[in-house]
Every structure is written in C-alpha cells, then in structure tokens.
PDB file of all heavy atoms in Angstrom:
ATOM      1  N   LEU A   1     146.144 177.315 148.283  1.00  0.00           N
ATOM      2  CA  LEU A   1     144.732 176.960 148.478  1.00  0.00           C
ATOM      3  C   LEU A   1     144.512 176.333 149.852  1.00  0.00           C
ATOM      4  O   LEU A   1     143.514 176.612 150.518  1.00  0.00           O
ATOM      5  CB  LEU A   1     144.268 175.999 147.384  1.00  0.00           C
ATOM      6  CG  LEU A   1     144.219 176.569 145.971  1.00  0.00           C
ATOM      7  CD1 LEU A   1     144.013 175.459 144.941  1.00  0.00           C
ATOM      8  CD2 LEU A   1     143.134 177.625 145.856  1.00  0.00           C
ATOM      9  N   MET A   2     145.471 175.504 150.286  1.00  0.00           N
ATOM     10  CA  MET A   2     145.380 174.877 151.609  1.00  0.00           C
ATOM     11  C   MET A   2     145.481 175.917 152.720  1.00  0.00           C
ATOM     12  O   MET A   2     144.663 175.952 153.627  1.00  0.00           O
ATOM     13  CB  MET A   2     146.511 173.862 151.803  1.00  0.00           C
ATOM     14  CG  MET A   2     146.310 172.529 151.180  1.00  0.00           C
ATOM     15  SD  MET A   2     147.773 171.485 151.424  1.00  0.00           S
ATOM     16  CE  MET A   2     147.983 171.532 153.206  1.00  0.00           C
ATOM     17  N   HIS A   3     146.521 176.746 152.640  1.00  0.00           N
ATOM     18  CA  HIS A   3     146.759 177.708 153.715  1.00  0.00           C
ATOM     19  C   HIS A   3     145.814 178.901 153.654  1.00  0.00           C
ATOM     20  O   HIS A   3     145.735 179.672 154.614  1.00  0.00           O
ATOM     21  CB  HIS A   3     148.223 178.143 153.724  1.00  0.00           C
ATOM     22  CG  HIS A   3     149.119 177.056 154.233  1.00  0.00           C
ATOM     23  ND1 HIS A   3     149.215 176.721 155.561  1.00  0.00           N
ATOM     24  CD2 HIS A   3     149.917 176.176 153.573  1.00  0.00           C
ATOM     25  CE1 HIS A   3     150.038 175.709 155.713  1.00  0.00           C
ATOM     26  NE2 HIS A   3     150.482 175.349 154.519  1.00  0.00           N
ATOM     27  N   GLY A   4     145.108 179.047 152.547  1.00  0.00           N
ATOM     28  CA  GLY A   4     144.042 180.039 152.460  1.00  0.00           C
ATOM     29  C   GLY A   4     142.728 179.485 152.982  1.00  0.00           C
ATOM     30  O   GLY A   4     141.693 180.122 152.862  1.00  0.00           O
ATOM     31  N   ASP A   5     142.790 178.282 153.549  1.00  0.00           N
ATOM     32  CA  ASP A   5     141.623 177.601 154.117  1.00  0.00           C
ATOM     33  C   ASP A   5     140.490 177.435 153.107  1.00  0.00           C
ATOM     34  O   ASP A   5     139.314 177.506 153.448  1.00  0.00           O
ATOM     35  CB  ASP A   5     141.115 178.325 155.371  1.00  0.00           C
ATOM     36  CG  ASP A   5     142.106 178.253 156.512  1.00  0.00           C
ATOM     37  OD1 ASP A   5     142.781 177.211 156.634  1.00  0.00           O
ATOM     38  OD2 ASP A   5     142.213 179.238 157.273  1.00  0.00           O
ATOM     39  N   LEU A   6     140.884 177.198 151.848  1.00  0.00           N
ATOM     40  CA  LEU A   6     139.892 176.968 150.803  1.00  0.00           C
ATOM     41  C   LEU A   6     139.620 175.490 150.608  1.00  0.00           C
ATOM     42  O   LEU A   6     138.496 175.082 150.342  1.00  0.00           O
ATOM     43  CB  LEU A   6     140.346 177.592 149.487  1.00  0.00           C
ATOM     44  CG  LEU A   6     140.527 179.111 149.529  1.00  0.00           C
ATOM     45  CD1 LEU A   6     141.121 179.607 148.234  1.00  0.00           C
ATOM     46  CD2 LEU A   6     139.190 179.792 149.800  1.00  0.00           C
ATOM     47  N   LEU A   7     140.689 174.668 150.718  1.00  0.00           N
ATOM     48  CA  LEU A   7     140.520 173.230 150.562  1.00  0.00           C
ATOM     49  C   LEU A   7     141.612 172.490 151.292  1.00  0.00           C
ATOM     50  O   LEU A   7     142.597 173.079 151.733  1.00  0.00           O
ATOM     51  CB  LEU A   7     140.474 172.825 149.085  1.00  0.00           C
ATOM     52  CG  LEU A   7     141.629 173.193 148.174  1.00  0.00           C
ATOM     53  CD1 LEU A   7     142.765 172.212 148.262  1.00  0.00           C
ATOM     54  CD2 LEU A   7     141.118 173.230 146.746  1.00  0.00           C
ATOM     55  N   ASP A   8     141.409 171.199 151.425  1.00  0.00           N
ATOM     56  CA  ASP A   8     142.403 170.336 152.047  1.00  0.00           C
ATOM     57  C   ASP A   8     142.400 169.012 151.295  1.00  0.00           C
ATOM     58  O   ASP A   8     141.455 168.701 150.569  1.00  0.00           O
ATOM     59  CB  ASP A   8     142.087 170.122 153.529  1.00  0.00           C
ATOM     60  CG  ASP A   8     143.303 169.637 154.306  1.00  0.00           C
ATOM     61  OD1 ASP A   8     144.412 169.627 153.745  1.00  0.00           O
ATOM     62  OD2 ASP A   8     143.135 169.244 155.469  1.00  0.00           O
ATOM     63  N   PHE A   9     143.461 168.254 151.477  1.00  0.00           N
ATOM     64  CA  PHE A   9     143.630 166.989 150.784  1.00  0.00           C
ATOM     65  C   PHE A   9     143.706 165.846 151.789  1.00  0.00           C
ATOM     66  O   PHE A   9     144.150 166.035 152.910  1.00  0.00           O
ATOM     67  CB  PHE A   9     144.917 167.005 149.947  1.00  0.00           C
ATOM     68  CG  PHE A   9     144.954 168.122 148.944  1.00  0.00           C
ATOM     69  CD1 PHE A   9     145.685 169.267 149.190  1.00  0.00           C
ATOM     70  CD2 PHE A   9     144.256 168.007 147.750  1.00  0.00           C
ATOM     71  CE1 PHE A   9     145.726 170.292 148.268  1.00  0.00           C
ATOM     72  CE2 PHE A   9     144.289 169.031 146.822  1.00  0.00           C
ATOM     73  CZ  PHE A   9     145.026 170.178 147.071  1.00  0.00           C
ATOM     74  N   VAL A  10     143.329 164.665 151.340  1.00  0.00           N
ATOM     75  CA  VAL A  10     143.314 163.473 152.183  1.00  0.00           C
ATOM     76  C   VAL A  10     144.489 162.579 151.800  1.00  0.00           C
ATOM     77  O   VAL A  10     144.812 162.438 150.625  1.00  0.00           O
ATOM     78  CB  VAL A  10     141.984 162.706 151.987  1.00  0.00           C
ATOM     79  CG1 VAL A  10     141.996 161.390 152.731  1.00  0.00           C
ATOM     80  CG2 VAL A  10     140.817 163.573 152.408  1.00  0.00           C
ATOM     81  N   GLY A  11     145.114 161.989 152.789  1.00  0.00           N
ATOM     82  CA  GLY A  11     146.089 160.918 152.582  1.00  0.00           C
ATOM     83  C   GLY A  11     147.462 161.326 152.099  1.00  0.00           C
ATOM     84  O   GLY A  11     147.640 162.323 151.422  1.00  0.00           O
ATOM     85  N   GLY A  12     148.458 160.537 152.508  1.00  0.00           N
ATOM     86  CA  GLY A  12     149.811 160.646 152.001  1.00  0.00           C
ATOM     87  C   GLY A  12     150.615 161.858 152.440  1.00  0.00           C
ATOM     88  O   GLY A  12     151.538 162.267 151.755  1.00  0.00           O
ATOM     89  N   ARG A  13     150.298 162.416 153.592  1.00  0.00           N
ATOM     90  CA  ARG A  13     151.024 163.601 154.059  1.00  0.00           C
ATOM     91  C   ARG A  13     152.345 163.234 154.714  1.00  0.00           C
ATOM     92  O   ARG A  13     152.416 162.346 155.540  1.00  0.00           O
ATOM     93  CB  ARG A  13     150.198 164.361 155.086  1.00  0.00           C
ATOM     94  CG  ARG A  13     149.095 165.139 154.486  1.00  0.00           C
ATOM     95  CD  ARG A  13     148.516 166.069 155.550  1.00  0.00           C
ATOM     96  NE  ARG A  13     147.272 166.585 155.089  1.00  0.00           N
ATOM     97  CZ  ARG A  13     147.164 167.722 154.405  1.00  0.00           C
ATOM     98  NH1 ARG A  13     148.217 168.442 154.144  1.00  0.00           N
ATOM     99  NH2 ARG A  13     145.991 168.134 153.999  1.00  0.00           N
ATOM    100  N   LEU A  14     153.372 163.989 154.333  1.00  0.00           N
ATOM    101  CA  LEU A  14     154.666 163.857 154.995  1.00  0.00           C
ATOM    102  C   LEU A  14     154.774 164.856 156.142  1.00  0.00           C
ATOM    103  O   LEU A  14     155.526 164.647 157.086  1.00  0.00           O
ATOM    104  CB  LEU A  14     155.801 164.089 153.992  1.00  0.00           C
ATOM    105  CG  LEU A  14     155.840 163.113 152.821  1.00  0.00           C
ATOM    106  CD1 LEU A  14     156.947 163.500 151.851  1.00  0.00           C
ATOM    107  CD2 LEU A  14     156.040 161.693 153.315  1.00  0.00           C
ATOM    108  N   HIS A  15     154.017 165.958 156.035  1.00  0.00           N
ATOM    109  CA  HIS A  15     153.997 166.996 157.058  1.00  0.00           C
ATOM    110  C   HIS A  15     152.631 167.677 156.999  1.00  0.00           C
ATOM    111  O   HIS A  15     152.081 167.876 155.914  1.00  0.00           O
ATOM    112  CB  HIS A  15     155.120 168.010 156.799  1.00  0.00           C
ATOM    113  CG  HIS A  15     155.305 168.987 157.902  1.00  0.00           C
ATOM    114  ND1 HIS A  15     154.517 170.105 158.040  1.00  0.00           N
ATOM    115  CD2 HIS A  15     156.184 169.010 158.929  1.00  0.00           C
ATOM    116  CE1 HIS A  15     154.909 170.792 159.092  1.00  0.00           C
ATOM    117  NE2 HIS A  15     155.915 170.144 159.657  1.00  0.00           N
ATOM    118  N   ALA A  16     152.093 168.055 158.140  1.00  0.00           N
ATOM    119  CA  ALA A  16     150.745 168.621 158.212  1.00  0.00           C
ATOM    120  C   ALA A  16     150.589 169.912 157.409  1.00  0.00           C
ATOM    121  O   ALA A  16     149.492 170.219 156.938  1.00  0.00           O
ATOM    122  CB  ALA A  16     150.366 168.873 159.672  1.00  0.00           C
ATOM    123  N   ASP A  17     151.670 170.680 157.240  1.00  0.00           N
ATOM    124  CA  ASP A  17     151.580 171.954 156.537  1.00  0.00           C
ATOM    125  C   ASP A  17     151.794 171.845 155.032  1.00  0.00           C
ATOM    126  O   ASP A  17     151.732 172.843 154.322  1.00  0.00           O
ATOM    127  CB  ASP A  17     152.607 172.949 157.104  1.00  0.00           C
ATOM    128  CG  ASP A  17     152.255 173.371 158.517  1.00  0.00           C
ATOM    129  OD1 ASP A  17     151.054 173.348 158.866  1.00  0.00           O
ATOM    130  OD2 ASP A  17     153.174 173.729 159.271  1.00  0.00           O
ATOM    131  N   LEU A  18     152.077 170.644 154.549  1.00  0.00           N
ATOM    132  CA  LEU A  18     152.361 170.450 153.130  1.00  0.00           C
ATOM    133  C   LEU A  18     151.268 169.617 152.464  1.00  0.00           C
ATOM    134  O   LEU A  18     150.635 168.791 153.119  1.00  0.00           O
ATOM    135  CB  LEU A  18     153.705 169.742 152.948  1.00  0.00           C
ATOM    136  CG  LEU A  18     154.933 170.477 153.464  1.00  0.00           C
ATOM    137  CD1 LEU A  18     156.166 169.598 153.337  1.00  0.00           C
ATOM    138  CD2 LEU A  18     155.121 171.790 152.725  1.00  0.00           C
ATOM    139  N   PRO A  19     151.082 169.824 151.155  1.00  0.00           N
ATOM    140  CA  PRO A  19     150.145 168.937 150.448  1.00  0.00           C
ATOM    141  C   PRO A  19     150.671 167.504 150.485  1.00  0.00           C
ATOM    142  O   PRO A  19     151.883 167.286 150.581  1.00  0.00           O
ATOM    143  CB  PRO A  19     150.156 169.464 149.008  1.00  0.00           C
ATOM    144  CG  PRO A  19     150.770 170.820 149.066  1.00  0.00           C
ATOM    145  CD  PRO A  19     151.651 170.834 150.276  1.00  0.00           C
ATOM    146  N   PRO A  20     149.791 166.533 150.414  1.00  0.00           N
ATOM    147  CA  PRO A  20     150.249 165.139 150.402  1.00  0.00           C
ATOM    148  C   PRO A  20     151.085 164.855 149.154  1.00  0.00           C
ATOM    149  O   PRO A  20     150.980 165.548 148.142  1.00  0.00           O
ATOM    150  CB  PRO A  20     148.955 164.330 150.412  1.00  0.00           C
ATOM    151  CG  PRO A  20     147.870 165.269 150.057  1.00  0.00           C
ATOM    152  CD  PRO A  20     148.336 166.647 150.348  1.00  0.00           C
ATOM    153  N   ILE A  21     151.868 163.806 149.223  1.00  0.00           N
ATOM    154  CA  ILE A  21     152.819 163.463 148.172  1.00  0.00           C
ATOM    155  C   ILE A  21     152.132 163.202 146.834  1.00  0.00           C
ATOM    156  O   ILE A  21     152.725 163.396 145.772  1.00  0.00           O
ATOM    157  CB  ILE A  21     153.706 162.267 148.610  1.00  0.00           C
ATOM    158  CG1 ILE A  21     154.904 162.106 147.688  1.00  0.00           C
ATOM    159  CG2 ILE A  21     152.902 160.993 148.683  1.00  0.00           C
ATOM    160  CD1 ILE A  21     155.935 163.160 147.840  1.00  0.00           C
ATOM    161  N   TRP A  22     150.880 162.807 146.841  1.00  0.00           N
ATOM    162  CA  TRP A  22     150.203 162.536 145.576  1.00  0.00           C
ATOM    163  C   TRP A  22     149.861 163.815 144.825  1.00  0.00           C
ATOM    164  O   TRP A  22     149.594 163.758 143.616  1.00  0.00           O
ATOM    165  CB  TRP A  22     148.987 161.635 145.760  1.00  0.00           C
ATOM    166  CG  TRP A  22     147.908 162.148 146.655  1.00  0.00           C
ATOM    167  CD1 TRP A  22     147.786 161.926 147.997  1.00  0.00           C
ATOM    168  CD2 TRP A  22     146.793 162.951 146.275  1.00  0.00           C
ATOM    169  NE1 TRP A  22     146.670 162.555 148.481  1.00  0.00           N
ATOM    170  CE2 TRP A  22     146.038 163.190 147.447  1.00  0.00           C
ATOM    171  CE3 TRP A  22     146.348 163.496 145.079  1.00  0.00           C
ATOM    172  CZ2 TRP A  22     144.865 163.944 147.439  1.00  0.00           C
ATOM    173  CZ3 TRP A  22     145.180 164.251 145.068  1.00  0.00           C
ATOM    174  CH2 TRP A  22     144.457 164.466 146.243  1.00  0.00           C
ATOM    175  N   ILE A  23     149.915 164.970 145.468  1.00  0.00           N
ATOM    176  CA  ILE A  23     149.657 166.241 144.770  1.00  0.00           C
ATOM    177  C   ILE A  23     150.813 166.580 143.828  1.00  0.00           C
ATOM    178  O   ILE A  23     150.586 166.826 142.640  1.00  0.00           O
ATOM    179  CB  ILE A  23     149.364 167.380 145.775  1.00  0.00           C
ATOM    180  CG1 ILE A  23     148.019 167.133 146.470  1.00  0.00           C
ATOM    181  CG2 ILE A  23     149.387 168.746 145.092  1.00  0.00           C
ATOM    182  CD1 ILE A  23     146.816 167.150 145.542  1.00  0.00           C
ATOM    183  N   PRO A  24     152.070 166.583 144.287  1.00  0.00           N
ATOM    184  CA  PRO A  24     153.156 166.779 143.308  1.00  0.00           C
ATOM    185  C   PRO A  24     153.154 165.699 142.226  1.00  0.00           C
ATOM    186  O   PRO A  24     153.509 165.978 141.076  1.00  0.00           O
ATOM    187  CB  PRO A  24     154.435 166.704 144.158  1.00  0.00           C
ATOM    188  CG  PRO A  24     154.002 167.009 145.543  1.00  0.00           C
ATOM    189  CD  PRO A  24     152.575 166.539 145.662  1.00  0.00           C
ATOM    190  N   ALA A  25     152.724 164.485 142.573  1.00  0.00           N
ATOM    191  CA  ALA A  25     152.641 163.418 141.570  1.00  0.00           C
ATOM    192  C   ALA A  25     151.652 163.796 140.471  1.00  0.00           C
ATOM    193  O   ALA A  25     151.901 163.565 139.284  1.00  0.00           O
ATOM    194  CB  ALA A  25     152.235 162.098 142.228  1.00  0.00           C
ATOM    195  N   HIS A  26     150.545 164.412 140.854  1.00  0.00           N
ATOM    196  CA  HIS A  26     149.581 164.883 139.852  1.00  0.00           C
ATOM    197  C   HIS A  26     150.201 165.946 138.953  1.00  0.00           C
ATOM    198  O   HIS A  26     149.926 165.989 137.752  1.00  0.00           O
ATOM    199  CB  HIS A  26     148.327 165.450 140.518  1.00  0.00           C
ATOM    200  CG  HIS A  26     147.293 164.426 140.804  1.00  0.00           C
ATOM    201  ND1 HIS A  26     146.544 163.822 139.827  1.00  0.00           N
ATOM    202  CD2 HIS A  26     146.880 163.886 141.968  1.00  0.00           C
ATOM    203  CE1 HIS A  26     145.710 162.962 140.371  1.00  0.00           C
ATOM    204  NE2 HIS A  26     145.901 162.976 141.678  1.00  0.00           N
ATOM    205  N   TRP A  27     151.013 166.800 139.524  1.00  0.00           N
ATOM    206  CA  TRP A  27     151.645 167.841 138.722  1.00  0.00           C
ATOM    207  C   TRP A  27     152.660 167.250 137.747  1.00  0.00           C
ATOM    208  O   TRP A  27     152.813 167.741 136.622  1.00  0.00           O
ATOM    209  CB  TRP A  27     152.273 168.906 139.619  1.00  0.00           C
ATOM    210  CG  TRP A  27     151.219 169.844 140.149  1.00  0.00           C
ATOM    211  CD1 TRP A  27     150.590 169.771 141.353  1.00  0.00           C
ATOM    212  CD2 TRP A  27     150.663 170.956 139.465  1.00  0.00           C
ATOM    213  NE1 TRP A  27     149.674 170.779 141.458  1.00  0.00           N
ATOM    214  CE2 TRP A  27     149.694 171.533 140.322  1.00  0.00           C
ATOM    215  CE3 TRP A  27     150.879 171.543 138.222  1.00  0.00           C
ATOM    216  CZ2 TRP A  27     148.945 172.657 139.955  1.00  0.00           C
ATOM    217  CZ3 TRP A  27     150.140 172.661 137.868  1.00  0.00           C
ATOM    218  CH2 TRP A  27     149.183 173.203 138.734  1.00  0.00           C
ATOM    219  N   VAL A  28     153.351 166.207 138.154  1.00  0.00           N
ATOM    220  CA  VAL A  28     154.258 165.509 137.224  1.00  0.00           C
ATOM    221  C   VAL A  28     153.443 164.933 136.071  1.00  0.00           C
ATOM    222  O   VAL A  28     153.777 165.118 134.896  1.00  0.00           O
ATOM    223  CB  VAL A  28     155.057 164.394 137.951  1.00  0.00           C
ATOM    224  CG1 VAL A  28     155.744 163.473 136.951  1.00  0.00           C
ATOM    225  CG2 VAL A  28     156.059 165.009 138.908  1.00  0.00           C
ATOM    226  N   ASN A  29     152.364 164.251 136.401  1.00  0.00           N
ATOM    227  CA  ASN A  29     151.496 163.686 135.374  1.00  0.00           C
ATOM    228  C   ASN A  29     150.969 164.776 134.442  1.00  0.00           C
ATOM    229  O   ASN A  29     150.976 164.625 133.227  1.00  0.00           O
ATOM    230  CB  ASN A  29     150.340 162.928 136.043  1.00  0.00           C
ATOM    231  CG  ASN A  29     149.473 162.190 135.056  1.00  0.00           C
ATOM    232  OD1 ASN A  29     149.946 161.632 134.072  1.00  0.00           O
ATOM    233  ND2 ASN A  29     148.182 162.179 135.323  1.00  0.00           N
ATOM    234  N   PHE A  30     150.541 165.884 135.014  1.00  0.00           N
ATOM    235  CA  PHE A  30     150.012 166.983 134.214  1.00  0.00           C
ATOM    236  C   PHE A  30     151.092 167.585 133.314  1.00  0.00           C
ATOM    237  O   PHE A  30     150.827 167.928 132.158  1.00  0.00           O
ATOM    238  CB  PHE A  30     149.411 168.059 135.123  1.00  0.00           C
ATOM    239  CG  PHE A  30     148.761 169.155 134.354  1.00  0.00           C
ATOM    240  CD1 PHE A  30     147.573 168.933 133.679  1.00  0.00           C
ATOM    241  CD2 PHE A  30     149.345 170.405 134.272  1.00  0.00           C
ATOM    242  CE1 PHE A  30     146.972 169.935 132.942  1.00  0.00           C
ATOM    243  CE2 PHE A  30     148.762 171.413 133.544  1.00  0.00           C
ATOM    244  CZ  PHE A  30     147.568 171.180 132.878  1.00  0.00           C
ATOM    245  N   ALA A  31     152.296 167.695 133.815  1.00  0.00           N
ATOM    246  CA  ALA A  31     153.394 168.268 133.028  1.00  0.00           C
ATOM    247  C   ALA A  31     153.650 167.457 131.766  1.00  0.00           C
ATOM    248  O   ALA A  31     154.012 168.016 130.717  1.00  0.00           O
ATOM    249  CB  ALA A  31     154.662 168.347 133.875  1.00  0.00           C
ATOM    250  N   LEU A  32     153.455 166.149 131.834  1.00  0.00           N
ATOM    251  CA  LEU A  32     153.678 165.294 130.669  1.00  0.00           C
ATOM    252  C   LEU A  32     152.635 165.529 129.580  1.00  0.00           C
ATOM    253  O   LEU A  32     152.836 165.141 128.429  1.00  0.00           O
ATOM    254  CB  LEU A  32     153.682 163.822 131.086  1.00  0.00           C
ATOM    255  CG  LEU A  32     154.758 163.422 132.088  1.00  0.00           C
ATOM    256  CD1 LEU A  32     154.591 161.970 132.496  1.00  0.00           C
ATOM    257  CD2 LEU A  32     156.148 163.687 131.540  1.00  0.00           C
ATOM    258  N   LEU A  33     151.555 166.172 129.929  1.00  0.00           N
ATOM    259  CA  LEU A  33     150.486 166.496 128.982  1.00  0.00           C
ATOM    260  C   LEU A  33     150.745 167.813 128.251  1.00  0.00           C
ATOM    261  O   LEU A  33     150.313 167.992 127.113  1.00  0.00           O
ATOM    262  CB  LEU A  33     149.162 166.572 129.755  1.00  0.00           C
ATOM    263  CG  LEU A  33     147.872 166.780 129.008  1.00  0.00           C
ATOM    264  CD1 LEU A  33     147.555 165.558 128.147  1.00  0.00           C
ATOM    265  CD2 LEU A  33     146.741 167.020 129.998  1.00  0.00           C
ATOM    266  N   LEU A  34     151.466 168.723 128.881  1.00  0.00           N
ATOM    267  CA  LEU A  34     151.578 170.088 128.361  1.00  0.00           C
ATOM    268  C   LEU A  34     152.187 170.193 126.967  1.00  0.00           C
ATOM    269  O   LEU A  34     151.690 170.959 126.141  1.00  0.00           O
ATOM    270  CB  LEU A  34     152.367 170.961 129.341  1.00  0.00           C
ATOM    271  CG  LEU A  34     151.630 171.306 130.624  1.00  0.00           C
ATOM    272  CD1 LEU A  34     152.553 172.013 131.596  1.00  0.00           C
ATOM    273  CD2 LEU A  34     150.406 172.157 130.336  1.00  0.00           C
ATOM    274  N   ASN A  35     153.232 169.478 126.675  1.00  0.00           N
ATOM    275  CA  ASN A  35     153.887 169.595 125.375  1.00  0.00           C
ATOM    276  C   ASN A  35     153.343 168.643 124.324  1.00  0.00           C
ATOM    277  O   ASN A  35     153.849 168.603 123.210  1.00  0.00           O
ATOM    278  CB  ASN A  35     155.391 169.343 125.516  1.00  0.00           C
ATOM    279  CG  ASN A  35     156.054 170.494 126.195  1.00  0.00           C
ATOM    280  OD1 ASN A  35     155.708 171.639 125.990  1.00  0.00           O
ATOM    281  ND2 ASN A  35     157.014 170.182 127.039  1.00  0.00           N
ATOM    282  N   HIS A  36     152.353 167.872 124.690  1.00  0.00           N
ATOM    283  CA  HIS A  36     151.845 166.868 123.760  1.00  0.00           C
ATOM    284  C   HIS A  36     150.338 167.049 123.583  1.00  0.00           C
ATOM    285  O   HIS A  36     149.908 167.617 122.597  1.00  0.00           O
ATOM    286  CB  HIS A  36     152.233 165.470 124.241  1.00  0.00           C
ATOM    287  CG  HIS A  36     153.722 165.353 124.386  1.00  0.00           C
ATOM    288  ND1 HIS A  36     154.537 165.052 123.336  1.00  0.00           N
ATOM    289  CD2 HIS A  36     154.534 165.566 125.453  1.00  0.00           C
ATOM    290  CE1 HIS A  36     155.799 165.073 123.740  1.00  0.00           C
ATOM    291  NE2 HIS A  36     155.822 165.375 125.022  1.00  0.00           N
ATOM    292  N   GLY A  37     149.553 166.590 124.532  1.00  0.00           N
ATOM    293  CA  GLY A  37     148.106 166.712 124.431  1.00  0.00           C
ATOM    294  C   GLY A  37     147.625 168.155 124.394  1.00  0.00           C
ATOM    295  O   GLY A  37     146.570 168.443 123.835  1.00  0.00           O
ATOM    296  N   LEU A  38     148.393 169.068 124.985  1.00  0.00           N
ATOM    297  CA  LEU A  38     148.004 170.487 125.011  1.00  0.00           C
ATOM    298  C   LEU A  38     148.927 171.364 124.166  1.00  0.00           C
ATOM    299  O   LEU A  38     148.944 172.579 124.325  1.00  0.00           O
ATOM    300  CB  LEU A  38     147.989 171.001 126.463  1.00  0.00           C
ATOM    301  CG  LEU A  38     146.985 170.333 127.391  1.00  0.00           C
ATOM    302  CD1 LEU A  38     147.104 170.893 128.796  1.00  0.00           C
ATOM    303  CD2 LEU A  38     145.562 170.497 126.870  1.00  0.00           C
ATOM    304  N   ARG A  39     149.670 170.771 123.252  1.00  0.00           N
ATOM    305  CA  ARG A  39     150.652 171.559 122.494  1.00  0.00           C
ATOM    306  C   ARG A  39     150.029 172.633 121.617  1.00  0.00           C
ATOM    307  O   ARG A  39     150.668 173.622 121.308  1.00  0.00           O
ATOM    308  CB  ARG A  39     151.552 170.654 121.688  1.00  0.00           C
ATOM    309  CG  ARG A  39     150.902 170.011 120.503  1.00  0.00           C
ATOM    310  CD  ARG A  39     151.922 169.228 119.710  1.00  0.00           C
ATOM    311  NE  ARG A  39     151.231 168.436 118.708  1.00  0.00           N
ATOM    312  CZ  ARG A  39     151.565 167.224 118.395  1.00  0.00           C
ATOM    313  NH1 ARG A  39     152.588 166.645 118.986  1.00  0.00           N
ATOM    314  NH2 ARG A  39     150.890 166.561 117.480  1.00  0.00           N
ATOM    315  N   ASP A  40     148.771 172.466 121.223  1.00  0.00           N
ATOM    316  CA  ASP A  40     148.122 173.497 120.411  1.00  0.00           C
ATOM    317  C   ASP A  40     147.886 174.786 121.190  1.00  0.00           C
ATOM    318  O   ASP A  40     147.573 175.816 120.604  1.00  0.00           O
ATOM    319  CB  ASP A  40     146.797 172.975 119.852  1.00  0.00           C
ATOM    320  CG  ASP A  40     146.994 171.898 118.802  1.00  0.00           C
ATOM    321  OD1 ASP A  40     148.101 171.827 118.220  1.00  0.00           O
ATOM    322  OD2 ASP A  40     146.049 171.128 118.566  1.00  0.00           O
ATOM    323  N   PHE A  41     148.053 174.743 122.496  1.00  0.00           N
ATOM    324  CA  PHE A  41     147.864 175.926 123.327  1.00  0.00           C
ATOM    325  C   PHE A  41     149.139 176.762 123.481  1.00  0.00           C
ATOM    326  O   PHE A  41     149.097 177.842 124.047  1.00  0.00           O
ATOM    327  CB  PHE A  41     147.384 175.525 124.730  1.00  0.00           C
ATOM    328  CG  PHE A  41     145.982 175.015 124.753  1.00  0.00           C
ATOM    329  CD1 PHE A  41     145.709 173.665 124.560  1.00  0.00           C
ATOM    330  CD2 PHE A  41     144.923 175.877 124.978  1.00  0.00           C
ATOM    331  CE1 PHE A  41     144.416 173.187 124.585  1.00  0.00           C
ATOM    332  CE2 PHE A  41     143.633 175.410 125.011  1.00  0.00           C
ATOM    333  CZ  PHE A  41     143.362 174.065 124.805  1.00  0.00           C
TER     334      PHE A  41
END
C-alpha cells in the first residue's frame, strides 16, 4: 500500500522504505485476536 502510493504512515520509522515499527506491532496485536475473538470465522 505504501509503495503503491496509496497511503503512508507517521512516526516510528527505522527506514524510509519500510512501514514504521508500530505497523508490525498492530499485526501482532491482530494475530492474538484471530484464534479467539474471530474463531467462529
């Protein structure tokens, strides 16, 4: 999405070409939901 020039993120970048560190953190948080809150899916 970033490199397709659709969106960009603010803060916490380790490198200009990568999403900021809080983006993988969101994915970790989301992963903890998949087998529990979303298990009916």
